[in-house]
Structure formats: C-alpha cells, structure tokens
Amino acid sequence: MVNRALFTGFFGFILGACQHQGAPVAATLSDDSPETISALKAGLSTALGRAIIDLGAGDPTAVPSVAVLPPRPAPRETHSTAMPTLFDLYLEGDTCFAIKQGTSTRIALPDVPCKPA
C-alpha cells in the first residue's frame, strides 16, 4: 500500500514537471524600443541572408507576426512581384524565437524580449 502511494506521488510529480516546460506559445515583443527592433531585425536578416531589412506594417508588440518587406526594386525596374516574408513569433520558457510561415525552422532571437500574446 505504501509502495503504491509512493509510486502514485512520484508519477504525479513527474507529470507535473513535464507540463511545467510547456509547448511554445505565440508571443509579441515586450516593447518597441529601438534596441528591441534592431535585435529583431538582426535575427531575421541573418535568417534571410540579407544585410538590411525593412519591417512591414503592423505592431509587433500587439500581433504575434512580423512582415519583412522584399528588397526594393533596382533603379531600372518599374515594379516587383515579390511578396513580404512573414514570421510568427513564439516564446518557450524565456526564449523568444521566430518561425518563417510555411516552414518549421526556428530562428533564434536571443536578444529580443518577448511576452506571451
């Protein structure tokens, strides 16, 4: 009887510990300071392989997704059919990361403060 109670208690403890980690949750930026936006741009520019990126419309402190605008057309180009690249922001524990929509690759954002959406 004592063994059964100990086993049940231990099993409950293990289940509680597993649930404490939790799955990633949708996130937004904690603030829109220039430092936070620069850190976000740096992480996403590395993922896209572009040195300079511009963020699209939207407030990343209110919405858990970020749009990165395509490169501007060259001087002799009259228009571009390129579309923005969309990223979803997630938080797992204290770690913020982004996932490009349509893929499952995590993009680390170590210096970007996030909060659950």
PDB file of N, CA and C in Angstrom:
ATOM      1  N   MET A   1       0.816  -1.191   0.000  1.00  0.00           N
ATOM      2  CA  MET A   1       0.000   0.000   0.000  1.00  0.00           C
ATOM      3  C   MET A   1       0.862   1.257   0.000  1.00  0.00           C
ATOM      4  N   VAL A   2       1.937   1.257   0.829  1.00  0.00           N
ATOM      5  CA  VAL A   2       2.833   2.409   0.891  1.00  0.00           C
ATOM      6  C   VAL A   2       3.569   2.560  -0.440  1.00  0.00           C
ATOM      7  N   ASN A   3       3.966   1.425  -1.026  1.00  0.00           N
ATOM      8  CA  ASN A   3       4.660   1.489  -2.321  1.00  0.00           C
ATOM      9  C   ASN A   3       3.767   2.095  -3.391  1.00  0.00           C
ATOM     10  N   ARG A   4       2.490   1.726  -3.362  1.00  0.00           N
ATOM     11  CA  ARG A   4       1.545   2.245  -4.345  1.00  0.00           C
ATOM     12  C   ARG A   4       1.382   3.757  -4.170  1.00  0.00           C
ATOM     13  N   ALA A   5       1.296   4.228  -2.942  1.00  0.00           N
ATOM     14  CA  ALA A   5       1.158   5.660  -2.680  1.00  0.00           C
ATOM     15  C   ALA A   5       2.413   6.413  -3.121  1.00  0.00           C
ATOM     16  N   LEU A   6       3.580   5.852  -2.846  1.00  0.00           N
ATOM     17  CA  LEU A   6       4.826   6.488  -3.274  1.00  0.00           C
ATOM     18  C   LEU A   6       4.924   6.535  -4.789  1.00  0.00           C
ATOM     19  N   PHE A   7       4.563   5.427  -5.444  1.00  0.00           N
ATOM     20  CA  PHE A   7       4.610   5.378  -6.904  1.00  0.00           C
ATOM     21  C   PHE A   7       3.655   6.407  -7.504  1.00  0.00           C
ATOM     22  N   THR A   8       2.438   6.478  -6.954  1.00  0.00           N
ATOM     23  CA  THR A   8       1.448   7.426  -7.460  1.00  0.00           C
ATOM     24  C   THR A   8       1.936   8.862  -7.260  1.00  0.00           C
ATOM     25  N   GLY A   9       2.507   9.168  -6.096  1.00  0.00           N
ATOM     26  CA  GLY A   9       3.032  10.504  -5.835  1.00  0.00           C
ATOM     27  C   GLY A   9       4.182  10.858  -6.754  1.00  0.00           C
ATOM     28  N   PHE A  10       5.093   9.909  -6.959  1.00  0.00           N
ATOM     29  CA  PHE A  10       6.234  10.130  -7.846  1.00  0.00           C
ATOM     30  C   PHE A  10       5.765  10.344  -9.281  1.00  0.00           C
ATOM     31  N   PHE A  11       4.808   9.522  -9.728  1.00  0.00           N
ATOM     32  CA  PHE A  11       4.279   9.638 -11.083  1.00  0.00           C
ATOM     33  C   PHE A  11       3.622  11.000 -11.283  1.00  0.00           C
ATOM     34  N   GLY A  12       2.858  11.460 -10.287  1.00  0.00           N
ATOM     35  CA  GLY A  12       2.230  12.781 -10.363  1.00  0.00           C
ATOM     36  C   GLY A  12       3.259  13.894 -10.422  1.00  0.00           C
ATOM     37  N   PHE A  13       4.341  13.744  -9.659  1.00  0.00           N
ATOM     38  CA  PHE A  13       5.420  14.732  -9.680  1.00  0.00           C
ATOM     39  C   PHE A  13       6.063  14.808 -11.058  1.00  0.00           C
ATOM     40  N   ILE A  14       6.317  13.650 -11.660  1.00  0.00           N
ATOM     41  CA  ILE A  14       6.925  13.602 -12.994  1.00  0.00           C
ATOM     42  C   ILE A  14       6.005  14.254 -14.024  1.00  0.00           C
ATOM     43  N   LEU A  15       4.726  13.952 -13.981  1.00  0.00           N
ATOM     44  CA  LEU A  15       3.792  14.564 -14.934  1.00  0.00           C
ATOM     45  C   LEU A  15       3.739  16.077 -14.750  1.00  0.00           C
ATOM     46  N   GLY A  16       3.739  16.531 -13.521  1.00  0.00           N
ATOM     47  CA  GLY A  16       3.732  17.973 -13.261  1.00  0.00           C
ATOM     48  C   GLY A  16       4.984  18.642 -13.781  1.00  0.00           C
ATOM     49  N   ALA A  17       6.129  17.993 -13.652  1.00  0.00           N
ATOM     50  CA  ALA A  17       7.388  18.557 -14.142  1.00  0.00           C
ATOM     51  C   ALA A  17       7.379  18.648 -15.659  1.00  0.00           C
ATOM     52  N   CYS A  18       6.824  17.658 -16.318  1.00  0.00           N
ATOM     53  CA  CYS A  18       6.773  17.678 -17.783  1.00  0.00           C
ATOM     54  C   CYS A  18       5.866  18.793 -18.273  1.00  0.00           C
ATOM     55  N   GLN A  19       4.763  19.015 -17.597  1.00  0.00           N
ATOM     56  CA  GLN A  19       3.837  20.043 -18.035  1.00  0.00           C
ATOM     57  C   GLN A  19       4.361  21.437 -17.722  1.00  0.00           C
ATOM     58  N   HIS A  20       5.278  21.547 -16.796  1.00  0.00           N
ATOM     59  CA  HIS A  20       5.832  22.850 -16.449  1.00  0.00           C
ATOM     60  C   HIS A  20       6.612  23.447 -17.621  1.00  0.00           C
ATOM     61  N   GLN A  21       7.309  22.609 -18.376  1.00  0.00           N
ATOM     62  CA  GLN A  21       8.075  23.097 -19.520  1.00  0.00           C
ATOM     63  C   GLN A  21       7.148  23.731 -20.543  1.00  0.00           C
ATOM     64  N   GLY A  22       6.082  23.058 -20.905  1.00  0.00           N
ATOM     65  CA  GLY A  22       5.089  23.590 -21.817  1.00  0.00           C
ATOM     66  C   GLY A  22       5.580  23.693 -23.248  1.00  0.00           C
ATOM     67  N   ALA A  23       4.623  23.811 -24.124  1.00  0.00           N
ATOM     68  CA  ALA A  23       4.910  23.969 -25.539  1.00  0.00           C
ATOM     69  C   ALA A  23       5.112  25.454 -25.836  1.00  0.00           C
ATOM     70  N   PRO A  24       5.725  25.763 -26.961  1.00  0.00           N
ATOM     71  CA  PRO A  24       5.875  27.170 -27.331  1.00  0.00           C
ATOM     72  C   PRO A  24       4.509  27.848 -27.457  1.00  0.00           C
ATOM     73  N   VAL A  25       4.444  29.090 -27.061  1.00  0.00           N
ATOM     74  CA  VAL A  25       3.215  29.869 -27.168  1.00  0.00           C
ATOM     75  C   VAL A  25       3.476  31.080 -28.065  1.00  0.00           C
ATOM     76  N   ALA A  26       2.426  31.530 -28.727  1.00  0.00           N
ATOM     77  CA  ALA A  26       2.543  32.725 -29.568  1.00  0.00           C
ATOM     78  C   ALA A  26       2.995  33.894 -28.699  1.00  0.00           C
ATOM     79  N   ALA A  27       3.821  34.755 -29.270  1.00  0.00           N
ATOM     80  CA  ALA A  27       4.406  35.849 -28.489  1.00  0.00           C
ATOM     81  C   ALA A  27       4.374  37.152 -29.269  1.00  0.00           C
ATOM     82  N   THR A  28       4.502  38.221 -28.524  1.00  0.00           N
ATOM     83  CA  THR A  28       4.675  39.551 -29.099  1.00  0.00           C
ATOM     84  C   THR A  28       5.913  40.166 -28.463  1.00  0.00           C
ATOM     85  N   LEU A  29       6.411  41.221 -29.049  1.00  0.00           N
ATOM     86  CA  LEU A  29       7.557  41.909 -28.457  1.00  0.00           C
ATOM     87  C   LEU A  29       7.123  42.579 -27.151  1.00  0.00           C
ATOM     88  N   SER A  30       8.015  42.572 -26.172  1.00  0.00           N
ATOM     89  CA  SER A  30       7.711  43.205 -24.881  1.00  0.00           C
ATOM     90  C   SER A  30       7.654  44.718 -24.999  1.00  0.00           C
ATOM     91  N   ASP A  31       8.447  45.272 -25.913  1.00  0.00           N
ATOM     92  CA  ASP A  31       8.448  46.721 -26.115  1.00  0.00           C
ATOM     93  C   ASP A  31       8.871  47.014 -27.548  1.00  0.00           C
ATOM     94  N   ASP A  32       8.715  48.257 -27.946  1.00  0.00           N
ATOM     95  CA  ASP A  32       9.102  48.642 -29.308  1.00  0.00           C
ATOM     96  C   ASP A  32      10.258  49.630 -29.296  1.00  0.00           C
ATOM     97  N   SER A  33      11.156  49.458 -28.338  1.00  0.00           N
ATOM     98  CA  SER A  33      12.320  50.336 -28.255  1.00  0.00           C
ATOM     99  C   SER A  33      13.227  50.114 -29.468  1.00  0.00           C
ATOM    100  N   PRO A  34      14.045  51.089 -29.812  1.00  0.00           N
ATOM    101  CA  PRO A  34      14.963  50.926 -30.939  1.00  0.00           C
ATOM    102  C   PRO A  34      15.901  49.721 -30.767  1.00  0.00           C
ATOM    103  N   GLU A  35      16.300  49.430 -29.532  1.00  0.00           N
ATOM    104  CA  GLU A  35      17.191  48.290 -29.281  1.00  0.00           C
ATOM    105  C   GLU A  35      16.487  46.973 -29.594  1.00  0.00           C
ATOM    106  N   THR A  36      15.222  46.855 -29.190  1.00  0.00           N
ATOM    107  CA  THR A  36      14.460  45.635 -29.440  1.00  0.00           C
ATOM    108  C   THR A  36      14.220  45.447 -30.932  1.00  0.00           C
ATOM    109  N   ILE A  37      13.836  46.501 -31.618  1.00  0.00           N
ATOM    110  CA  ILE A  37      13.591  46.417 -33.069  1.00  0.00           C
ATOM    111  C   ILE A  37      14.889  46.079 -33.794  1.00  0.00           C
ATOM    112  N   SER A  38      16.005  46.655 -33.389  1.00  0.00           N
ATOM    113  CA  SER A  38      17.299  46.348 -34.016  1.00  0.00           C
ATOM    114  C   SER A  38      17.679  44.886 -33.799  1.00  0.00           C
ATOM    115  N   ALA A  39      17.443  44.366 -32.589  1.00  0.00           N
ATOM    116  CA  ALA A  39      17.747  42.957 -32.317  1.00  0.00           C
ATOM    117  C   ALA A  39      16.860  42.034 -33.150  1.00  0.00           C
ATOM    118  N   LEU A  40      15.587  42.392 -33.298  1.00  0.00           N
ATOM    119  CA  LEU A  40      14.673  41.604 -34.130  1.00  0.00           C
ATOM    120  C   LEU A  40      15.134  41.617 -35.580  1.00  0.00           C
ATOM    121  N   LYS A  41      15.457  42.794 -36.095  1.00  0.00           N
ATOM    122  CA  LYS A  41      15.930  42.901 -37.479  1.00  0.00           C
ATOM    123  C   LYS A  41      17.219  42.112 -37.685  1.00  0.00           C
ATOM    124  N   ALA A  42      18.121  42.152 -36.715  1.00  0.00           N
ATOM    125  CA  ALA A  42      19.389  41.425 -36.839  1.00  0.00           C
ATOM    126  C   ALA A  42      19.145  39.926 -36.928  1.00  0.00           C
ATOM    127  N   GLY A  43      18.269  39.405 -36.085  1.00  0.00           N
ATOM    128  CA  GLY A  43      17.972  37.974 -36.131  1.00  0.00           C
ATOM    129  C   GLY A  43      17.315  37.548 -37.427  1.00  0.00           C
ATOM    130  N   LEU A  44      16.364  38.343 -37.898  1.00  0.00           N
ATOM    131  CA  LEU A  44      15.655  37.995 -39.133  1.00  0.00           C
ATOM    132  C   LEU A  44      16.531  38.211 -40.365  1.00  0.00           C
ATOM    133  N   SER A  45      17.395  39.223 -40.348  1.00  0.00           N
ATOM    134  CA  SER A  45      18.268  39.450 -41.504  1.00  0.00           C
ATOM    135  C   SER A  45      19.253  38.306 -41.680  1.00  0.00           C
ATOM    136  N   THR A  46      19.731  37.751 -40.574  1.00  0.00           N
ATOM    137  CA  THR A  46      20.620  36.593 -40.649  1.00  0.00           C
ATOM    138  C   THR A  46      19.879  35.411 -41.272  1.00  0.00           C
ATOM    139  N   ALA A  47      18.637  35.199 -40.865  1.00  0.00           N
ATOM    140  CA  ALA A  47      17.849  34.084 -41.389  1.00  0.00           C
ATOM    141  C   ALA A  47      17.565  34.241 -42.885  1.00  0.00           C
ATOM    142  N   LEU A  48      17.377  35.484 -43.330  1.00  0.00           N
ATOM    143  CA  LEU A  48      17.083  35.732 -44.739  1.00  0.00           C
ATOM    144  C   LEU A  48      18.332  35.878 -45.595  1.00  0.00           C
ATOM    145  N   GLY A  49      19.473  36.040 -44.958  1.00  0.00           N
ATOM    146  CA  GLY A  49      20.712  36.214 -45.717  1.00  0.00           C
ATOM    147  C   GLY A  49      20.817  37.579 -46.359  1.00  0.00           C
ATOM    148  N   ARG A  50      20.191  38.572 -45.745  1.00  0.00           N
ATOM    149  CA  ARG A  50      20.243  39.938 -46.252  1.00  0.00           C
ATOM    150  C   ARG A  50      20.768  40.845 -45.159  1.00  0.00           C
ATOM    151  N   ALA A  51      21.603  41.789 -45.533  1.00  0.00           N
ATOM    152  CA  ALA A  51      22.202  42.678 -44.539  1.00  0.00           C
ATOM    153  C   ALA A  51      21.206  43.701 -44.008  1.00  0.00           C
ATOM    154  N   ILE A  52      20.349  44.205 -44.861  1.00  0.00           N
ATOM    155  CA  ILE A  52      19.412  45.251 -44.466  1.00  0.00           C
ATOM    156  C   ILE A  52      18.000  44.777 -44.755  1.00  0.00           C
ATOM    157  N   ILE A  53      17.139  44.892 -43.751  1.00  0.00           N
ATOM    158  CA  ILE A  53      15.735  44.544 -43.957  1.00  0.00           C
ATOM    159  C   ILE A  53      14.860  45.673 -43.427  1.00  0.00           C
ATOM    160  N   ASP A  54      13.664  45.760 -43.970  1.00  0.00           N
ATOM    161  CA  ASP A  54      12.654  46.701 -43.501  1.00  0.00           C
ATOM    162  C   ASP A  54      11.449  45.899 -43.059  1.00  0.00           C
ATOM    163  N   LEU A  55      10.909  46.255 -41.896  1.00  0.00           N
ATOM    164  CA  LEU A  55       9.712  45.586 -41.408  1.00  0.00           C
ATOM    165  C   LEU A  55       8.486  46.215 -42.041  1.00  0.00           C
ATOM    166  N   GLY A  56       7.490  45.387 -42.302  1.00  0.00           N
ATOM    167  CA  GLY A  56       6.249  45.860 -42.892  1.00  0.00           C
ATOM    168  C   GLY A  56       5.337  46.488 -41.852  1.00  0.00           C
ATOM    169  N   ALA A  57       4.137  46.830 -42.290  1.00  0.00           N
ATOM    170  CA  ALA A  57       3.150  47.445 -41.402  1.00  0.00           C
ATOM    171  C   ALA A  57       2.738  46.454 -40.328  1.00  0.00           C
ATOM    172  N   GLY A  58       2.304  46.966 -39.232  1.00  0.00           N
ATOM    173  CA  GLY A  58       1.866  46.129 -38.119  1.00  0.00           C
ATOM    174  C   GLY A  58       2.646  46.472 -36.864  1.00  0.00           C
ATOM    175  N   ASP A  59       2.065  46.136 -35.745  1.00  0.00           N
ATOM    176  CA  ASP A  59       2.676  46.419 -34.451  1.00  0.00           C
ATOM    177  C   ASP A  59       3.100  45.105 -33.810  1.00  0.00           C
ATOM    178  N   PRO A  60       4.397  44.781 -33.819  1.00  0.00           N
ATOM    179  CA  PRO A  60       4.839  43.509 -33.254  1.00  0.00           C
ATOM    180  C   PRO A  60       4.689  43.425 -31.735  1.00  0.00           C
ATOM    181  N   THR A  61       4.292  44.537 -31.079  1.00  0.00           N
ATOM    182  CA  THR A  61       4.005  44.456 -29.651  1.00  0.00           C
ATOM    183  C   THR A  61       2.552  44.053 -29.410  1.00  0.00           C
ATOM    184  N   ALA A  62       1.745  44.026 -30.484  1.00  0.00           N
ATOM    185  CA  ALA A  62       0.334  43.668 -30.359  1.00  0.00           C
ATOM    186  C   ALA A  62      -0.043  42.417 -31.146  1.00  0.00           C
ATOM    187  N   VAL A  63       0.701  42.111 -32.195  1.00  0.00           N
ATOM    188  CA  VAL A  63       0.380  40.980 -33.074  1.00  0.00           C
ATOM    189  C   VAL A  63       1.568  40.020 -33.095  1.00  0.00           C
ATOM    190  N   PRO A  64       1.327  38.697 -32.999  1.00  0.00           N
ATOM    191  CA  PRO A  64       2.445  37.740 -32.940  1.00  0.00           C
ATOM    192  C   PRO A  64       3.051  37.370 -34.294  1.00  0.00           C
ATOM    193  N   SER A  65       2.989  38.270 -35.251  1.00  0.00           N
ATOM    194  CA  SER A  65       3.644  38.007 -36.532  1.00  0.00           C
ATOM    195  C   SER A  65       4.313  39.286 -37.019  1.00  0.00           C
ATOM    196  N   VAL A  66       5.349  39.075 -37.827  1.00  0.00           N
ATOM    197  CA  VAL A  66       6.148  40.182 -38.340  1.00  0.00           C
ATOM    198  C   VAL A  66       6.321  39.984 -39.840  1.00  0.00           C
ATOM    199  N   ALA A  67       6.152  41.050 -40.601  1.00  0.00           N
ATOM    200  CA  ALA A  67       6.363  41.006 -42.046  1.00  0.00           C
ATOM    201  C   ALA A  67       7.684  41.690 -42.373  1.00  0.00           C
ATOM    202  N   VAL A  68       8.488  41.020 -43.195  1.00  0.00           N
ATOM    203  CA  VAL A  68       9.734  41.604 -43.686  1.00  0.00           C
ATOM    204  C   VAL A  68       9.517  41.915 -45.157  1.00  0.00           C
ATOM    205  N   LEU A  69       9.687  43.179 -45.504  1.00  0.00           N
ATOM    206  CA  LEU A  69       9.457  43.608 -46.886  1.00  0.00           C
ATOM    207  C   LEU A  69      10.542  43.076 -47.808  1.00  0.00           C
ATOM    208  N   PRO A  70      10.186  42.808 -49.062  1.00  0.00           N
ATOM    209  CA  PRO A  70      11.196  42.356 -50.024  1.00  0.00           C
ATOM    210  C   PRO A  70      12.155  43.489 -50.359  1.00  0.00           C
ATOM    211  N   PRO A  71      13.300  43.153 -50.939  1.00  0.00           N
ATOM    212  CA  PRO A  71      14.231  44.214 -51.342  1.00  0.00           C
ATOM    213  C   PRO A  71      13.555  45.168 -52.328  1.00  0.00           C
ATOM    214  N   ARG A  72      13.962  46.409 -52.259  1.00  0.00           N
ATOM    215  CA  ARG A  72      13.399  47.411 -53.180  1.00  0.00           C
ATOM    216  C   ARG A  72      13.861  47.119 -54.606  1.00  0.00           C
ATOM    217  N   PRO A  73      13.033  47.460 -55.591  1.00  0.00           N
ATOM    218  CA  PRO A  73      13.436  47.257 -56.980  1.00  0.00           C
ATOM    219  C   PRO A  73      14.672  48.102 -57.322  1.00  0.00           C
ATOM    220  N   ALA A  74      15.450  47.604 -58.250  1.00  0.00           N
ATOM    221  CA  ALA A  74      16.624  48.337 -58.723  1.00  0.00           C
ATOM    222  C   ALA A  74      16.152  49.584 -59.484  1.00  0.00           C
ATOM    223  N   PRO A  75      17.042  50.550 -59.706  1.00  0.00           N
ATOM    224  CA  PRO A  75      16.635  51.803 -60.352  1.00  0.00           C
ATOM    225  C   PRO A  75      15.948  51.623 -61.706  1.00  0.00           C
ATOM    226  N   ARG A  76      16.331  50.637 -62.479  1.00  0.00           N
ATOM    227  CA  ARG A  76      15.738  50.473 -63.815  1.00  0.00           C
ATOM    228  C   ARG A  76      14.507  49.563 -63.811  1.00  0.00           C
ATOM    229  N   GLU A  77      14.165  48.986 -62.673  1.00  0.00           N
ATOM    230  CA  GLU A  77      12.970  48.147 -62.591  1.00  0.00           C
ATOM    231  C   GLU A  77      11.757  49.029 -62.315  1.00  0.00           C
ATOM    232  N   THR A  78      10.659  48.730 -62.987  1.00  0.00           N
ATOM    233  CA  THR A  78       9.460  49.543 -62.804  1.00  0.00           C
ATOM    234  C   THR A  78       8.547  48.989 -61.720  1.00  0.00           C
ATOM    235  N   HIS A  79       8.607  47.685 -61.488  1.00  0.00           N
ATOM    236  CA  HIS A  79       7.778  47.088 -60.437  1.00  0.00           C
ATOM    237  C   HIS A  79       8.373  45.744 -60.030  1.00  0.00           C
ATOM    238  N   SER A  80       7.845  45.215 -58.941  1.00  0.00           N
ATOM    239  CA  SER A  80       8.316  43.931 -58.443  1.00  0.00           C
ATOM    240  C   SER A  80       7.116  43.099 -58.001  1.00  0.00           C
ATOM    241  N   THR A  81       7.168  41.819 -58.257  1.00  0.00           N
ATOM    242  CA  THR A  81       6.092  40.926 -57.825  1.00  0.00           C
ATOM    243  C   THR A  81       6.445  40.224 -56.510  1.00  0.00           C
ATOM    244  N   ALA A  82       7.556  40.611 -55.918  1.00  0.00           N
ATOM    245  CA  ALA A  82       7.984  39.997 -54.659  1.00  0.00           C
ATOM    246  C   ALA A  82       6.994  40.316 -53.542  1.00  0.00           C
ATOM    247  N   MET A  83       6.774  39.348 -52.672  1.00  0.00           N
ATOM    248  CA  MET A  83       5.851  39.493 -51.555  1.00  0.00           C
ATOM    249  C   MET A  83       6.639  39.558 -50.245  1.00  0.00           C
ATOM    250  N   PRO A  84       6.059  40.152 -49.211  1.00  0.00           N
ATOM    251  CA  PRO A  84       6.731  40.162 -47.907  1.00  0.00           C
ATOM    252  C   PRO A  84       6.900  38.738 -47.373  1.00  0.00           C
ATOM    253  N   THR A  85       7.910  38.543 -46.559  1.00  0.00           N
ATOM    254  CA  THR A  85       8.134  37.278 -45.882  1.00  0.00           C
ATOM    255  C   THR A  85       7.553  37.407 -44.481  1.00  0.00           C
ATOM    256  N   LEU A  86       6.707  36.464 -44.102  1.00  0.00           N
ATOM    257  CA  LEU A  86       6.036  36.534 -42.816  1.00  0.00           C
ATOM    258  C   LEU A  86       6.668  35.581 -41.807  1.00  0.00           C
ATOM    259  N   PHE A  87       6.847  36.071 -40.594  1.00  0.00           N
ATOM    260  CA  PHE A  87       7.398  35.285 -39.495  1.00  0.00           C
ATOM    261  C   PHE A  87       6.431  35.325 -38.324  1.00  0.00           C
ATOM    262  N   ASP A  88       6.280  34.187 -37.655  1.00  0.00           N
ATOM    263  CA  ASP A  88       5.489  34.117 -36.430  1.00  0.00           C
ATOM    264  C   ASP A  88       6.441  34.102 -35.246  1.00  0.00           C
ATOM    265  N   LEU A  89       6.115  34.854 -34.209  1.00  0.00           N
ATOM    266  CA  LEU A  89       6.937  34.915 -33.009  1.00  0.00           C
ATOM    267  C   LEU A  89       6.396  33.947 -31.966  1.00  0.00           C
ATOM    268  N   TYR A  90       7.312  33.253 -31.282  1.00  0.00           N
ATOM    269  CA  TYR A  90       6.949  32.291 -30.242  1.00  0.00           C
ATOM    270  C   TYR A  90       7.847  32.482 -29.036  1.00  0.00           C
ATOM    271  N   LEU A  91       7.337  32.027 -27.910  1.00  0.00           N
ATOM    272  CA  LEU A  91       8.065  32.077 -26.652  1.00  0.00           C
ATOM    273  C   LEU A  91       8.027  30.691 -26.032  1.00  0.00           C
ATOM    274  N   GLU A  92       9.201  30.196 -25.668  1.00  0.00           N
ATOM    275  CA  GLU A  92       9.299  28.912 -24.976  1.00  0.00           C
ATOM    276  C   GLU A  92      10.170  29.131 -23.747  1.00  0.00           C
ATOM    277  N   GLY A  93       9.551  29.100 -22.590  1.00  0.00           N
ATOM    278  CA  GLY A  93      10.271  29.461 -21.373  1.00  0.00           C
ATOM    279  C   GLY A  93      10.569  30.951 -21.429  1.00  0.00           C
ATOM    280  N   ASP A  94      11.845  31.301 -21.389  1.00  0.00           N
ATOM    281  CA  ASP A  94      12.261  32.701 -21.508  1.00  0.00           C
ATOM    282  C   ASP A  94      12.882  32.992 -22.866  1.00  0.00           C
ATOM    283  N   THR A  95      12.816  32.038 -23.791  1.00  0.00           N
ATOM    284  CA  THR A  95      13.485  32.161 -25.081  1.00  0.00           C
ATOM    285  C   THR A  95      12.493  32.549 -26.171  1.00  0.00           C
ATOM    286  N   CYS A  96      12.801  33.638 -26.850  1.00  0.00           N
ATOM    287  CA  CYS A  96      11.982  34.108 -27.962  1.00  0.00           C
ATOM    288  C   CYS A  96      12.600  33.601 -29.270  1.00  0.00           C
ATOM    289  N   PHE A  97      11.738  33.141 -30.175  1.00  0.00           N
ATOM    290  CA  PHE A  97      12.214  32.710 -31.488  1.00  0.00           C
ATOM    291  C   PHE A  97      11.143  32.974 -32.526  1.00  0.00           C
ATOM    292  N   ALA A  98      11.534  32.929 -33.777  1.00  0.00           N
ATOM    293  CA  ALA A  98      10.619  33.155 -34.890  1.00  0.00           C
ATOM    294  C   ALA A  98      10.604  31.924 -35.782  1.00  0.00           C
ATOM    295  N   ILE A  99       9.481  31.722 -36.448  1.00  0.00           N
ATOM    296  CA  ILE A  99       9.356  30.662 -37.450  1.00  0.00           C
ATOM    297  C   ILE A  99       8.797  31.301 -38.718  1.00  0.00           C
ATOM    298  N   LYS A 100       9.512  31.105 -39.815  1.00  0.00           N
ATOM    299  CA  LYS A 100       9.041  31.619 -41.099  1.00  0.00           C
ATOM    300  C   LYS A 100       7.792  30.847 -41.481  1.00  0.00           C
ATOM    301  N   GLN A 101       6.728  31.560 -41.839  1.00  0.00           N
ATOM    302  CA  GLN A 101       5.476  30.894 -42.187  1.00  0.00           C
ATOM    303  C   GLN A 101       5.702  29.955 -43.363  1.00  0.00           C
ATOM    304  N   GLY A 102       5.183  28.745 -43.239  1.00  0.00           N
ATOM    305  CA  GLY A 102       5.355  27.735 -44.278  1.00  0.00           C
ATOM    306  C   GLY A 102       6.525  26.807 -44.023  1.00  0.00           C
ATOM    307  N   THR A 103       7.309  27.068 -42.984  1.00  0.00           N
ATOM    308  CA  THR A 103       8.430  26.199 -42.629  1.00  0.00           C
ATOM    309  C   THR A 103       8.314  25.842 -41.154  1.00  0.00           C
ATOM    310  N   SER A 104       9.223  25.019 -40.678  1.00  0.00           N
ATOM    311  CA  SER A 104       9.237  24.689 -39.250  1.00  0.00           C
ATOM    312  C   SER A 104      10.602  24.996 -38.634  1.00  0.00           C
ATOM    313  N   THR A 105      11.401  25.782 -39.333  1.00  0.00           N
ATOM    314  CA  THR A 105      12.735  26.110 -38.852  1.00  0.00           C
ATOM    315  C   THR A 105      12.680  27.242 -37.848  1.00  0.00           C
ATOM    316  N   ARG A 106      13.256  27.006 -36.670  1.00  0.00           N
ATOM    317  CA  ARG A 106      13.327  28.034 -35.637  1.00  0.00           C
ATOM    318  C   ARG A 106      14.466  29.004 -35.926  1.00  0.00           C
ATOM    319  N   ILE A 107      14.195  30.267 -35.713  1.00  0.00           N
ATOM    320  CA  ILE A 107      15.204  31.304 -35.852  1.00  0.00           C
ATOM    321  C   ILE A 107      15.391  31.917 -34.478  1.00  0.00           C
ATOM    322  N   ALA A 108      16.552  31.720 -33.925  1.00  0.00           N
ATOM    323  CA  ALA A 108      16.828  32.202 -32.576  1.00  0.00           C
ATOM    324  C   ALA A 108      16.830  33.725 -32.537  1.00  0.00           C
ATOM    325  N   LEU A 109      16.212  34.268 -31.516  1.00  0.00           N
ATOM    326  CA  LEU A 109      16.188  35.714 -31.287  1.00  0.00           C
ATOM    327  C   LEU A 109      16.637  35.950 -29.843  1.00  0.00           C
ATOM    328  N   PRO A 110      17.921  35.710 -29.548  1.00  0.00           N
ATOM    329  CA  PRO A 110      18.378  35.718 -28.158  1.00  0.00           C
ATOM    330  C   PRO A 110      18.284  37.059 -27.451  1.00  0.00           C
ATOM    331  N   ASP A 111      18.395  38.161 -28.148  1.00  0.00           N
ATOM    332  CA  ASP A 111      18.381  39.476 -27.509  1.00  0.00           C
ATOM    333  C   ASP A 111      17.041  40.195 -27.656  1.00  0.00           C
ATOM    334  N   VAL A 112      16.003  39.451 -28.041  1.00  0.00           N
ATOM    335  CA  VAL A 112      14.693  40.052 -28.264  1.00  0.00           C
ATOM    336  C   VAL A 112      13.769  39.688 -27.092  1.00  0.00           C
ATOM    337  N   PRO A 113      13.326  40.692 -26.329  1.00  0.00           N
ATOM    338  CA  PRO A 113      12.411  40.397 -25.224  1.00  0.00           C
ATOM    339  C   PRO A 113      10.991  40.190 -25.726  1.00  0.00           C
ATOM    340  N   CYS A 114      10.407  39.050 -25.388  1.00  0.00           N
ATOM    341  CA  CYS A 114       9.042  38.718 -25.808  1.00  0.00           C
ATOM    342  C   CYS A 114       8.170  38.446 -24.592  1.00  0.00           C
ATOM    343  N   LYS A 115       6.877  38.486 -24.826  1.00  0.00           N
ATOM    344  CA  LYS A 115       5.894  38.139 -23.802  1.00  0.00           C
ATOM    345  C   LYS A 115       4.793  37.310 -24.482  1.00  0.00           C
ATOM    346  N   PRO A 116       4.085  36.478 -23.740  1.00  0.00           N
ATOM    347  CA  PRO A 116       3.002  35.697 -24.357  1.00  0.00           C
ATOM    348  C   PRO A 116       1.974  36.614 -24.990  1.00  0.00           C
ATOM    349  N   ALA A 117       1.456  36.214 -26.131  1.00  0.00           N
ATOM    350  CA  ALA A 117       0.459  37.022 -26.852  1.00  0.00           C
ATOM    351  C   ALA A 117      -0.904  36.917 -26.198  1.00  0.00           C
TER     352      ALA A 117
END
